[in-house]
């Protein structure tokens, strides 16, 4: 799936897929500080993307943004998305991709900050797929919560519980967690069940 996706993304841009960049990304997603933001996360997102890729306005750009959206991940940093977006832009410029496409991919990655619900259709797809983990079945959701805690193992328990509760509550307070019809219909109810249960026990 990983190789197929990488090659498909670049083919959609009319460019050869740079193998060295793929190797660097695969290594990045296996760094020791990661527990959730790993290749497992990338693979889960790709599995959700493939059936809806036909709905994307610019599928190659969307898929490339998915690949790079967590390419840089340091739990104590506050600019992971920006660094990831900048890495994607650097790679795309080295491949001589059109600058407008570079800027769109950069914007797609920045949408995964989850500061606000995106308005652009491809960004909505990417963000919904990124948040699909909130609607996972009970064992996977529990694993996800453990993985996030592991990435923030340096944070004292009381502070972590308070901060994590605030994050989960912010999603619960949205009118809709998912902004595309396909994912709202499939995932909204399950995500709210998981969040309600997680908030109840925290």
N, C-alpha and C. Protein backbone atom coordinates (compact mmCIF):
# COMPACT_ATOMS: atom_id res chain seq x y z
N UNK A 1 0.82 -1.21 0.00
CA UNK A 1 0.00 0.00 0.00
C UNK A 1 0.86 1.26 0.00
N UNK A 2 1.93 1.28 0.80
CA UNK A 2 2.75 2.46 0.93
C UNK A 2 3.42 2.83 -0.39
N UNK A 3 4.05 1.86 -1.02
CA UNK A 3 4.74 2.12 -2.29
C UNK A 3 3.74 2.51 -3.36
N UNK A 4 2.62 1.80 -3.41
CA UNK A 4 1.59 2.11 -4.41
C UNK A 4 1.10 3.55 -4.25
N UNK A 5 0.86 3.95 -3.02
CA UNK A 5 0.37 5.29 -2.76
C UNK A 5 1.40 6.34 -3.15
N UNK A 6 2.63 6.13 -2.77
CA UNK A 6 3.69 7.09 -3.08
C UNK A 6 3.83 7.29 -4.59
N UNK A 7 3.84 6.20 -5.30
CA UNK A 7 3.98 6.29 -6.75
C UNK A 7 2.75 6.92 -7.39
N UNK A 8 1.57 6.61 -6.87
CA UNK A 8 0.33 7.16 -7.41
C UNK A 8 0.28 8.68 -7.21
N UNK A 9 0.70 9.14 -6.05
CA UNK A 9 0.67 10.58 -5.76
C UNK A 9 1.54 11.35 -6.74
N UNK A 10 2.74 10.88 -6.96
CA UNK A 10 3.65 11.58 -7.86
C UNK A 10 3.21 11.45 -9.32
N UNK A 11 2.66 10.29 -9.66
CA UNK A 11 2.17 10.11 -11.03
C UNK A 11 1.06 11.11 -11.34
N UNK A 12 0.20 11.36 -10.34
CA UNK A 12 -0.88 12.32 -10.53
C UNK A 12 -0.35 13.74 -10.75
N UNK A 13 0.86 13.99 -10.24
CA UNK A 13 1.49 15.29 -10.45
C UNK A 13 2.32 15.31 -11.73
N UNK A 14 2.37 14.17 -12.42
CA UNK A 14 3.15 14.08 -13.65
C UNK A 14 4.64 14.01 -13.40
N UNK A 15 5.03 13.49 -12.24
CA UNK A 15 6.44 13.46 -11.84
C UNK A 15 6.85 12.05 -11.44
N UNK A 16 8.13 11.70 -11.62
CA UNK A 16 8.62 10.43 -11.10
C UNK A 16 8.67 10.47 -9.57
N UNK A 17 8.39 9.36 -8.94
CA UNK A 17 8.38 9.30 -7.47
C UNK A 17 9.81 9.19 -6.95
N UNK A 18 10.27 10.15 -6.15
CA UNK A 18 11.65 10.10 -5.64
C UNK A 18 11.81 9.05 -4.53
N UNK A 19 12.53 8.00 -4.83
CA UNK A 19 12.69 6.89 -3.88
C UNK A 19 13.43 7.33 -2.62
N UNK A 20 14.42 8.19 -2.76
CA UNK A 20 15.19 8.62 -1.59
C UNK A 20 14.31 9.37 -0.60
N UNK A 21 13.36 10.13 -1.10
CA UNK A 21 12.44 10.85 -0.21
C UNK A 21 11.52 9.88 0.51
N UNK A 22 11.03 8.88 -0.22
CA UNK A 22 10.21 7.85 0.42
C UNK A 22 10.98 7.17 1.53
N UNK A 23 12.23 6.82 1.28
CA UNK A 23 13.06 6.18 2.30
C UNK A 23 13.20 7.07 3.53
N UNK A 24 13.38 8.37 3.31
CA UNK A 24 13.51 9.31 4.43
C UNK A 24 12.22 9.41 5.23
N UNK A 25 11.09 9.42 4.52
CA UNK A 25 9.80 9.47 5.20
C UNK A 25 9.54 8.21 6.01
N UNK A 26 9.83 7.07 5.44
CA UNK A 26 9.62 5.81 6.16
C UNK A 26 10.47 5.78 7.43
N UNK A 27 11.70 6.28 7.33
CA UNK A 27 12.56 6.34 8.52
C UNK A 27 12.01 7.32 9.54
N UNK A 28 11.51 8.45 9.07
CA UNK A 28 10.98 9.47 9.99
C UNK A 28 9.79 8.93 10.79
N UNK A 29 8.90 8.21 10.12
CA UNK A 29 7.72 7.69 10.79
C UNK A 29 8.03 6.53 11.74
N UNK A 30 9.30 6.10 11.78
CA UNK A 30 9.70 5.04 12.70
C UNK A 30 10.63 5.55 13.79
N UNK A 31 10.69 6.86 13.97
CA UNK A 31 11.55 7.43 15.00
C UNK A 31 11.09 7.02 16.40
N UNK A 32 12.05 6.99 17.31
CA UNK A 32 11.80 6.43 18.65
C UNK A 32 10.78 7.21 19.46
N UNK A 33 10.66 8.51 19.23
CA UNK A 33 9.74 9.32 20.05
C UNK A 33 8.28 9.14 19.66
N UNK A 34 8.03 8.41 18.59
CA UNK A 34 6.66 8.24 18.10
C UNK A 34 6.02 6.96 18.66
N UNK A 35 4.76 7.07 19.01
CA UNK A 35 3.97 5.88 19.37
C UNK A 35 2.70 5.82 18.54
N UNK A 36 2.08 6.98 18.33
CA UNK A 36 0.89 7.05 17.48
C UNK A 36 1.20 7.57 16.08
N UNK A 37 2.00 8.60 15.98
CA UNK A 37 2.28 9.24 14.68
C UNK A 37 3.34 8.43 13.92
N UNK A 38 2.95 7.22 13.55
CA UNK A 38 3.83 6.24 12.97
C UNK A 38 3.32 5.78 11.61
N UNK A 39 3.97 4.79 11.05
CA UNK A 39 3.50 4.21 9.79
C UNK A 39 2.12 3.58 9.95
N UNK A 40 1.79 3.12 11.15
CA UNK A 40 0.44 2.60 11.38
C UNK A 40 -0.60 3.67 11.08
N UNK A 41 -0.35 4.88 11.53
CA UNK A 41 -1.26 6.00 11.29
C UNK A 41 -1.33 6.30 9.79
N UNK A 42 -0.20 6.32 9.12
CA UNK A 42 -0.18 6.58 7.68
C UNK A 42 -0.98 5.51 6.94
N UNK A 43 -0.77 4.27 7.30
CA UNK A 43 -1.46 3.17 6.62
C UNK A 43 -2.96 3.22 6.86
N UNK A 44 -3.36 3.54 8.09
CA UNK A 44 -4.79 3.65 8.39
C UNK A 44 -5.42 4.78 7.58
N UNK A 45 -4.71 5.88 7.45
CA UNK A 45 -5.23 7.00 6.67
C UNK A 45 -5.32 6.65 5.19
N UNK A 46 -4.30 5.98 4.67
CA UNK A 46 -4.32 5.60 3.25
C UNK A 46 -5.46 4.64 2.95
N UNK A 47 -5.75 3.73 3.89
CA UNK A 47 -6.85 2.79 3.69
C UNK A 47 -8.19 3.53 3.58
N UNK A 48 -8.31 4.63 4.31
CA UNK A 48 -9.53 5.44 4.23
C UNK A 48 -9.53 6.34 2.99
N UNK A 49 -8.35 6.78 2.58
CA UNK A 49 -8.26 7.69 1.44
C UNK A 49 -8.59 7.01 0.12
N UNK A 50 -8.06 5.80 -0.07
CA UNK A 50 -8.17 5.16 -1.39
C UNK A 50 -9.61 5.10 -1.92
N UNK A 51 -10.59 4.71 -1.12
CA UNK A 51 -11.96 4.64 -1.66
C UNK A 51 -12.58 6.00 -2.01
N UNK A 52 -12.06 7.08 -1.41
CA UNK A 52 -12.67 8.40 -1.65
C UNK A 52 -11.76 9.30 -2.49
N UNK A 53 -10.65 8.76 -2.96
CA UNK A 53 -9.70 9.58 -3.72
C UNK A 53 -10.34 10.17 -4.96
N UNK A 54 -11.31 9.48 -5.50
CA UNK A 54 -12.00 9.96 -6.69
C UNK A 54 -12.76 11.26 -6.40
N UNK A 55 -13.05 11.52 -5.13
CA UNK A 55 -13.76 12.75 -4.77
C UNK A 55 -12.84 13.96 -4.66
N UNK A 56 -11.54 13.72 -4.64
CA UNK A 56 -10.59 14.82 -4.45
C UNK A 56 -10.52 15.71 -5.69
N UNK A 57 -10.36 16.99 -5.47
CA UNK A 57 -10.16 17.91 -6.57
C UNK A 57 -8.79 17.73 -7.20
N UNK A 58 -7.79 17.53 -6.35
CA UNK A 58 -6.41 17.31 -6.80
C UNK A 58 -5.85 16.12 -6.02
N UNK A 59 -6.14 14.91 -6.48
CA UNK A 59 -5.80 13.71 -5.71
C UNK A 59 -4.32 13.56 -5.42
N UNK A 60 -3.47 13.89 -6.37
CA UNK A 60 -2.03 13.76 -6.13
C UNK A 60 -1.56 14.65 -5.00
N UNK A 61 -2.03 15.88 -5.01
CA UNK A 61 -1.64 16.82 -3.95
C UNK A 61 -2.18 16.37 -2.60
N UNK A 62 -3.40 15.89 -2.57
CA UNK A 62 -4.00 15.42 -1.33
C UNK A 62 -3.21 14.23 -0.77
N UNK A 63 -2.88 13.30 -1.63
CA UNK A 63 -2.15 12.11 -1.16
C UNK A 63 -0.75 12.47 -0.69
N UNK A 64 -0.11 13.40 -1.38
CA UNK A 64 1.22 13.83 -0.95
C UNK A 64 1.15 14.55 0.39
N UNK A 65 0.12 15.36 0.57
CA UNK A 65 -0.07 16.04 1.86
C UNK A 65 -0.27 15.03 2.98
N UNK A 66 -1.00 13.96 2.70
CA UNK A 66 -1.19 12.92 3.71
C UNK A 66 0.15 12.34 4.12
N UNK A 67 0.99 12.05 3.15
CA UNK A 67 2.30 11.48 3.43
C UNK A 67 3.15 12.38 4.32
N UNK A 68 3.09 13.67 4.07
CA UNK A 68 3.98 14.60 4.78
C UNK A 68 3.37 15.20 6.04
N UNK A 69 2.09 14.97 6.31
CA UNK A 69 1.44 15.78 7.34
C UNK A 69 2.03 15.59 8.73
N UNK A 70 2.60 14.43 9.02
CA UNK A 70 3.28 14.19 10.30
C UNK A 70 4.74 13.81 10.08
N UNK A 71 5.31 14.26 8.97
CA UNK A 71 6.68 13.86 8.64
C UNK A 71 7.67 14.31 9.71
N UNK A 72 7.43 15.47 10.27
CA UNK A 72 8.21 15.96 11.41
C UNK A 72 7.33 15.87 12.64
N UNK A 73 7.79 15.14 13.65
CA UNK A 73 6.97 15.02 14.86
C UNK A 73 7.87 14.92 16.09
N UNK A 74 7.90 16.00 16.85
CA UNK A 74 8.56 16.04 18.14
C UNK A 74 7.51 16.45 19.17
N UNK A 75 7.17 15.58 20.11
CA UNK A 75 6.06 15.87 21.03
C UNK A 75 6.19 17.19 21.78
N UNK A 76 7.41 17.66 22.01
CA UNK A 76 7.58 18.89 22.78
C UNK A 76 7.61 20.14 21.89
N UNK A 77 7.52 19.95 20.58
CA UNK A 77 7.53 21.09 19.65
C UNK A 77 6.12 21.59 19.38
N UNK A 78 6.03 22.83 18.95
CA UNK A 78 4.73 23.43 18.65
C UNK A 78 4.58 23.74 17.16
N UNK A 79 5.58 23.39 16.37
CA UNK A 79 5.56 23.73 14.95
C UNK A 79 5.75 22.51 14.05
N UNK A 80 5.30 21.36 14.51
CA UNK A 80 5.48 20.14 13.73
C UNK A 80 4.83 20.23 12.35
N UNK A 81 3.62 20.74 12.31
CA UNK A 81 2.92 20.83 11.03
C UNK A 81 3.64 21.78 10.07
N UNK A 82 4.11 22.90 10.60
CA UNK A 82 4.84 23.84 9.75
C UNK A 82 6.12 23.23 9.22
N UNK A 83 6.86 22.55 10.08
CA UNK A 83 8.09 21.91 9.63
C UNK A 83 7.80 20.81 8.60
N UNK A 84 6.72 20.08 8.83
CA UNK A 84 6.32 19.04 7.88
C UNK A 84 5.94 19.65 6.54
N UNK A 85 5.16 20.73 6.59
CA UNK A 85 4.75 21.41 5.36
C UNK A 85 5.95 21.98 4.61
N UNK A 86 6.90 22.54 5.37
CA UNK A 86 8.10 23.09 4.73
C UNK A 86 8.94 21.99 4.08
N UNK A 87 8.99 20.83 4.71
CA UNK A 87 9.72 19.71 4.13
C UNK A 87 9.06 19.30 2.81
N UNK A 88 7.75 19.18 2.81
CA UNK A 88 7.03 18.82 1.59
C UNK A 88 7.31 19.84 0.48
N UNK A 89 7.26 21.12 0.83
CA UNK A 89 7.50 22.17 -0.16
C UNK A 89 8.91 22.08 -0.72
N UNK A 90 9.88 21.82 0.14
CA UNK A 90 11.27 21.69 -0.32
C UNK A 90 11.42 20.53 -1.30
N UNK A 91 10.80 19.41 -0.98
CA UNK A 91 10.87 18.23 -1.86
C UNK A 91 10.19 18.53 -3.19
N UNK A 92 9.02 19.12 -3.14
CA UNK A 92 8.28 19.40 -4.37
C UNK A 92 9.04 20.39 -5.26
N UNK A 93 9.65 21.40 -4.66
CA UNK A 93 10.42 22.35 -5.46
C UNK A 93 11.65 21.69 -6.08
N UNK A 94 12.27 20.77 -5.33
CA UNK A 94 13.42 20.05 -5.87
C UNK A 94 13.02 19.20 -7.07
N UNK A 95 11.76 18.75 -7.08
CA UNK A 95 11.25 17.96 -8.20
C UNK A 95 10.66 18.85 -9.30
N UNK A 96 10.76 20.16 -9.09
CA UNK A 96 10.28 21.15 -10.06
C UNK A 96 8.77 21.08 -10.28
N UNK A 97 8.05 20.84 -9.19
CA UNK A 97 6.59 20.88 -9.22
C UNK A 97 6.15 22.34 -9.28
N UNK A 98 5.07 22.59 -9.96
CA UNK A 98 4.51 23.94 -10.09
C UNK A 98 4.32 24.57 -8.71
N UNK A 99 4.71 25.85 -8.58
CA UNK A 99 4.69 26.52 -7.29
C UNK A 99 3.28 26.60 -6.71
N UNK A 100 2.26 26.73 -7.55
CA UNK A 100 0.89 26.78 -7.03
C UNK A 100 0.54 25.47 -6.34
N UNK A 101 0.98 24.35 -6.90
CA UNK A 101 0.75 23.05 -6.28
C UNK A 101 1.52 22.94 -4.97
N UNK A 102 2.72 23.45 -4.94
CA UNK A 102 3.52 23.45 -3.71
C UNK A 102 2.76 24.18 -2.60
N UNK A 103 2.23 25.34 -2.91
CA UNK A 103 1.52 26.13 -1.90
C UNK A 103 0.23 25.44 -1.45
N UNK A 104 -0.44 24.78 -2.37
CA UNK A 104 -1.67 24.06 -1.98
C UNK A 104 -1.36 22.91 -1.04
N UNK A 105 -0.31 22.15 -1.32
CA UNK A 105 0.07 21.05 -0.44
C UNK A 105 0.49 21.59 0.92
N UNK A 106 1.23 22.69 0.93
CA UNK A 106 1.63 23.31 2.19
C UNK A 106 0.38 23.66 3.02
N UNK A 107 -0.61 24.24 2.36
CA UNK A 107 -1.85 24.63 3.06
C UNK A 107 -2.62 23.41 3.56
N UNK A 108 -2.64 22.35 2.77
CA UNK A 108 -3.31 21.12 3.20
C UNK A 108 -2.69 20.58 4.48
N UNK A 109 -1.38 20.56 4.53
CA UNK A 109 -0.70 20.04 5.72
C UNK A 109 -0.98 20.93 6.92
N UNK A 110 -0.98 22.23 6.73
CA UNK A 110 -1.26 23.14 7.84
C UNK A 110 -2.68 22.98 8.36
N UNK A 111 -3.58 22.50 7.53
CA UNK A 111 -4.96 22.27 7.98
C UNK A 111 -5.03 21.18 9.04
N UNK A 112 -4.02 20.30 9.09
CA UNK A 112 -4.03 19.23 10.08
C UNK A 112 -3.60 19.71 11.47
N UNK A 113 -3.39 21.02 11.61
CA UNK A 113 -3.22 21.57 12.96
C UNK A 113 -4.52 21.45 13.77
N UNK A 114 -5.64 21.34 13.04
CA UNK A 114 -6.97 21.20 13.65
C UNK A 114 -7.37 22.41 14.48
N UNK A 115 -6.82 23.56 14.11
CA UNK A 115 -7.19 24.79 14.82
C UNK A 115 -8.62 25.21 14.48
N UNK A 116 -9.05 24.89 13.29
CA UNK A 116 -10.41 25.21 12.84
C UNK A 116 -10.79 24.24 11.74
N UNK A 117 -12.08 24.08 11.52
CA UNK A 117 -12.51 23.20 10.44
C UNK A 117 -12.22 23.86 9.10
N UNK A 118 -11.59 23.13 8.19
CA UNK A 118 -11.19 23.72 6.91
C UNK A 118 -12.38 23.97 5.99
N UNK A 119 -12.17 24.88 5.06
CA UNK A 119 -13.22 25.21 4.10
C UNK A 119 -12.96 24.60 2.73
N UNK A 120 -11.71 24.38 2.40
CA UNK A 120 -11.36 23.87 1.07
C UNK A 120 -11.67 22.37 1.00
N UNK A 121 -12.29 21.88 -0.07
CA UNK A 121 -12.76 20.49 -0.12
C UNK A 121 -11.69 19.44 0.14
N UNK A 122 -10.52 19.57 -0.47
CA UNK A 122 -9.48 18.56 -0.24
C UNK A 122 -8.96 18.62 1.19
N UNK A 123 -8.90 19.80 1.76
CA UNK A 123 -8.50 19.93 3.16
C UNK A 123 -9.52 19.26 4.08
N UNK A 124 -10.79 19.38 3.73
CA UNK A 124 -11.82 18.71 4.53
C UNK A 124 -11.64 17.20 4.51
N UNK A 125 -11.36 16.67 3.34
CA UNK A 125 -11.11 15.23 3.23
C UNK A 125 -9.92 14.81 4.08
N UNK A 126 -8.81 15.54 3.95
CA UNK A 126 -7.60 15.19 4.68
C UNK A 126 -7.82 15.26 6.18
N UNK A 127 -8.45 16.31 6.64
CA UNK A 127 -8.67 16.47 8.08
C UNK A 127 -9.63 15.41 8.61
N UNK A 128 -10.66 15.11 7.86
CA UNK A 128 -11.60 14.05 8.30
C UNK A 128 -10.89 12.71 8.41
N UNK A 129 -10.04 12.42 7.45
CA UNK A 129 -9.30 11.16 7.48
C UNK A 129 -8.34 11.14 8.66
N UNK A 130 -7.70 12.27 8.94
CA UNK A 130 -6.78 12.37 10.06
C UNK A 130 -7.51 12.14 11.38
N UNK A 131 -8.76 12.60 11.45
CA UNK A 131 -9.54 12.46 12.69
C UNK A 131 -10.36 11.17 12.76
N UNK A 132 -10.24 10.34 11.75
CA UNK A 132 -11.02 9.10 11.72
C UNK A 132 -10.72 8.20 12.91
N UNK A 133 -9.52 8.32 13.47
CA UNK A 133 -9.14 7.50 14.62
C UNK A 133 -10.10 7.70 15.79
N UNK A 134 -10.73 8.87 15.86
CA UNK A 134 -11.68 9.13 16.96
C UNK A 134 -12.89 8.22 16.89
N UNK A 135 -13.13 7.65 15.71
CA UNK A 135 -14.29 6.77 15.52
C UNK A 135 -13.89 5.31 15.45
N UNK A 136 -12.66 4.99 15.83
CA UNK A 136 -12.19 3.60 15.75
C UNK A 136 -12.98 2.70 16.69
N UNK A 137 -12.90 1.39 16.44
CA UNK A 137 -13.56 0.47 17.36
C UNK A 137 -12.89 0.56 18.72
N UNK A 138 -13.55 0.02 19.73
CA UNK A 138 -13.12 0.23 21.11
C UNK A 138 -11.66 -0.18 21.37
N UNK A 139 -11.21 -1.36 20.92
CA UNK A 139 -9.82 -1.72 21.18
C UNK A 139 -8.82 -0.77 20.52
N UNK A 140 -9.10 -0.37 19.28
CA UNK A 140 -8.16 0.54 18.60
C UNK A 140 -8.18 1.92 19.23
N UNK A 141 -9.35 2.39 19.64
CA UNK A 141 -9.42 3.70 20.28
C UNK A 141 -8.65 3.69 21.60
N UNK A 142 -8.78 2.61 22.36
CA UNK A 142 -8.04 2.49 23.62
C UNK A 142 -6.54 2.47 23.35
N UNK A 143 -6.14 1.76 22.30
CA UNK A 143 -4.73 1.72 21.92
C UNK A 143 -4.24 3.11 21.53
N UNK A 144 -5.06 3.82 20.77
CA UNK A 144 -4.73 5.18 20.35
C UNK A 144 -4.50 6.07 21.56
N UNK A 145 -5.39 6.01 22.53
CA UNK A 145 -5.23 6.82 23.73
C UNK A 145 -3.93 6.48 24.46
N UNK A 146 -3.60 5.20 24.51
CA UNK A 146 -2.34 4.78 25.14
C UNK A 146 -1.14 5.28 24.35
N UNK A 147 -1.26 5.26 23.03
CA UNK A 147 -0.15 5.72 22.19
C UNK A 147 0.09 7.22 22.35
N UNK A 148 -0.99 8.00 22.43
CA UNK A 148 -0.83 9.43 22.64
C UNK A 148 -0.20 9.70 24.00
N UNK A 149 -0.63 8.98 25.02
CA UNK A 149 -0.04 9.15 26.35
C UNK A 149 1.45 8.82 26.31
N UNK A 150 1.81 7.79 25.58
CA UNK A 150 3.22 7.40 25.49
C UNK A 150 4.06 8.50 24.84
N UNK A 151 3.49 9.19 23.87
CA UNK A 151 4.23 10.27 23.22
C UNK A 151 4.42 11.46 24.16
N UNK A 152 3.53 11.57 25.13
CA UNK A 152 3.64 12.66 26.11
C UNK A 152 4.00 12.11 27.49
N UNK A 153 4.82 11.10 27.50
CA UNK A 153 5.19 10.44 28.77
C UNK A 153 5.92 11.40 29.71
N UNK A 154 6.51 12.43 29.18
CA UNK A 154 7.26 13.40 29.98
C UNK A 154 6.35 14.39 30.72
N UNK A 155 5.05 14.38 30.39
CA UNK A 155 4.11 15.30 31.02
C UNK A 155 3.54 14.64 32.29
N UNK A 156 3.56 15.31 33.43
CA UNK A 156 2.97 14.74 34.65
C UNK A 156 1.51 14.35 34.44
N UNK A 157 1.08 13.31 35.12
CA UNK A 157 -0.24 12.72 34.88
C UNK A 157 -1.38 13.71 35.02
N UNK A 158 -1.38 14.50 36.07
CA UNK A 158 -2.49 15.43 36.30
C UNK A 158 -2.56 16.47 35.17
N UNK A 159 -1.42 17.00 34.80
CA UNK A 159 -1.40 17.99 33.72
C UNK A 159 -1.82 17.35 32.40
N UNK A 160 -1.35 16.13 32.15
CA UNK A 160 -1.72 15.45 30.92
C UNK A 160 -3.22 15.23 30.85
N UNK A 161 -3.82 14.74 31.92
CA UNK A 161 -5.26 14.46 31.92
C UNK A 161 -6.05 15.74 31.66
N UNK A 162 -5.62 16.83 32.28
CA UNK A 162 -6.32 18.11 32.08
C UNK A 162 -6.23 18.58 30.64
N UNK A 163 -5.02 18.53 30.09
CA UNK A 163 -4.81 18.99 28.71
C UNK A 163 -5.51 18.08 27.71
N UNK A 164 -5.41 16.79 27.94
CA UNK A 164 -6.03 15.84 27.02
C UNK A 164 -7.55 15.97 27.05
N UNK A 165 -8.09 16.15 28.21
CA UNK A 165 -9.54 16.34 28.33
C UNK A 165 -9.98 17.57 27.54
N UNK A 166 -9.21 18.63 27.60
CA UNK A 166 -9.55 19.86 26.88
C UNK A 166 -9.54 19.62 25.37
N UNK A 167 -8.58 18.85 24.90
CA UNK A 167 -8.51 18.53 23.46
C UNK A 167 -9.74 17.74 23.03
N UNK A 168 -10.05 16.69 23.77
CA UNK A 168 -11.20 15.86 23.42
C UNK A 168 -12.50 16.64 23.53
N UNK A 169 -12.61 17.47 24.54
CA UNK A 169 -13.82 18.27 24.73
C UNK A 169 -14.01 19.25 23.57
N UNK A 170 -12.91 19.76 23.04
CA UNK A 170 -13.02 20.72 21.93
C UNK A 170 -13.64 20.07 20.71
N UNK A 171 -13.37 18.78 20.49
CA UNK A 171 -14.00 18.08 19.38
C UNK A 171 -15.48 17.81 19.66
N UNK A 172 -15.78 17.46 20.90
CA UNK A 172 -17.17 17.20 21.27
C UNK A 172 -18.04 18.45 21.09
N UNK A 173 -17.46 19.61 21.30
CA UNK A 173 -18.22 20.85 21.25
C UNK A 173 -18.47 21.35 19.84
N UNK A 174 -17.86 20.74 18.86
CA UNK A 174 -18.12 21.14 17.48
C UNK A 174 -19.52 20.71 17.06
N UNK A 175 -20.11 21.47 16.18
CA UNK A 175 -21.41 21.08 15.63
C UNK A 175 -21.29 19.74 14.91
N UNK A 176 -20.16 19.54 14.23
CA UNK A 176 -19.86 18.26 13.58
C UNK A 176 -18.35 18.07 13.63
N UNK A 177 -17.92 16.88 14.00
CA UNK A 177 -16.50 16.57 14.02
C UNK A 177 -15.96 16.45 12.60
N UNK A 178 -16.78 15.85 11.74
CA UNK A 178 -16.38 15.60 10.35
C UNK A 178 -17.13 16.54 9.42
N UNK A 179 -16.41 17.12 8.48
CA UNK A 179 -17.00 18.15 7.63
C UNK A 179 -17.38 17.67 6.24
N UNK A 180 -17.04 16.42 5.89
CA UNK A 180 -17.48 15.88 4.60
C UNK A 180 -18.65 14.93 4.84
N UNK A 181 -19.63 14.94 3.95
CA UNK A 181 -20.80 14.07 4.15
C UNK A 181 -20.44 12.59 4.30
N UNK A 182 -19.49 12.11 3.50
CA UNK A 182 -19.17 10.68 3.53
C UNK A 182 -18.62 10.25 4.88
N UNK A 183 -17.77 11.07 5.48
CA UNK A 183 -17.20 10.69 6.76
C UNK A 183 -18.11 11.06 7.93
N UNK A 184 -18.88 12.10 7.78
CA UNK A 184 -19.84 12.43 8.84
C UNK A 184 -20.85 11.31 9.00
N UNK A 185 -21.34 10.80 7.89
CA UNK A 185 -22.33 9.73 7.94
C UNK A 185 -21.74 8.45 8.53
N UNK A 186 -20.49 8.16 8.18
CA UNK A 186 -19.86 6.91 8.61
C UNK A 186 -19.30 6.96 10.02
N UNK A 187 -18.80 8.13 10.44
CA UNK A 187 -17.95 8.16 11.63
C UNK A 187 -18.45 9.03 12.78
N UNK A 188 -19.33 9.98 12.50
CA UNK A 188 -19.69 10.97 13.53
C UNK A 188 -20.23 10.33 14.81
N UNK A 189 -21.17 9.42 14.67
CA UNK A 189 -21.79 8.83 15.87
C UNK A 189 -20.78 8.04 16.68
N UNK A 190 -19.95 7.26 16.00
CA UNK A 190 -18.96 6.45 16.71
C UNK A 190 -17.93 7.33 17.40
N UNK A 191 -17.50 8.39 16.74
CA UNK A 191 -16.54 9.30 17.34
C UNK A 191 -17.10 9.93 18.61
N UNK A 192 -18.35 10.34 18.56
CA UNK A 192 -18.95 10.97 19.74
C UNK A 192 -19.11 9.97 20.89
N UNK A 193 -19.39 8.73 20.55
CA UNK A 193 -19.46 7.71 21.61
C UNK A 193 -18.10 7.53 22.27
N UNK A 194 -17.06 7.43 21.46
CA UNK A 194 -15.72 7.25 22.00
C UNK A 194 -15.30 8.44 22.86
N UNK A 195 -15.58 9.64 22.36
CA UNK A 195 -15.18 10.84 23.10
C UNK A 195 -15.95 10.96 24.40
N UNK A 196 -17.22 10.65 24.36
CA UNK A 196 -18.03 10.73 25.59
C UNK A 196 -17.52 9.75 26.64
N UNK A 197 -17.18 8.56 26.19
CA UNK A 197 -16.65 7.57 27.14
C UNK A 197 -15.29 7.99 27.68
N UNK A 198 -14.43 8.50 26.80
CA UNK A 198 -13.10 8.94 27.22
C UNK A 198 -13.20 10.10 28.21
N UNK A 199 -14.09 11.02 27.97
CA UNK A 199 -14.26 12.17 28.86
C UNK A 199 -14.86 11.75 30.20
N UNK A 200 -15.68 10.72 30.16
CA UNK A 200 -16.32 10.24 31.39
C UNK A 200 -15.32 9.62 32.34
N UNK A 201 -14.30 8.96 31.79
CA UNK A 201 -13.35 8.25 32.66
C UNK A 201 -12.14 9.10 33.03
N UNK A 202 -11.97 10.26 32.38
CA UNK A 202 -10.78 11.07 32.66
C UNK A 202 -10.98 11.94 33.90
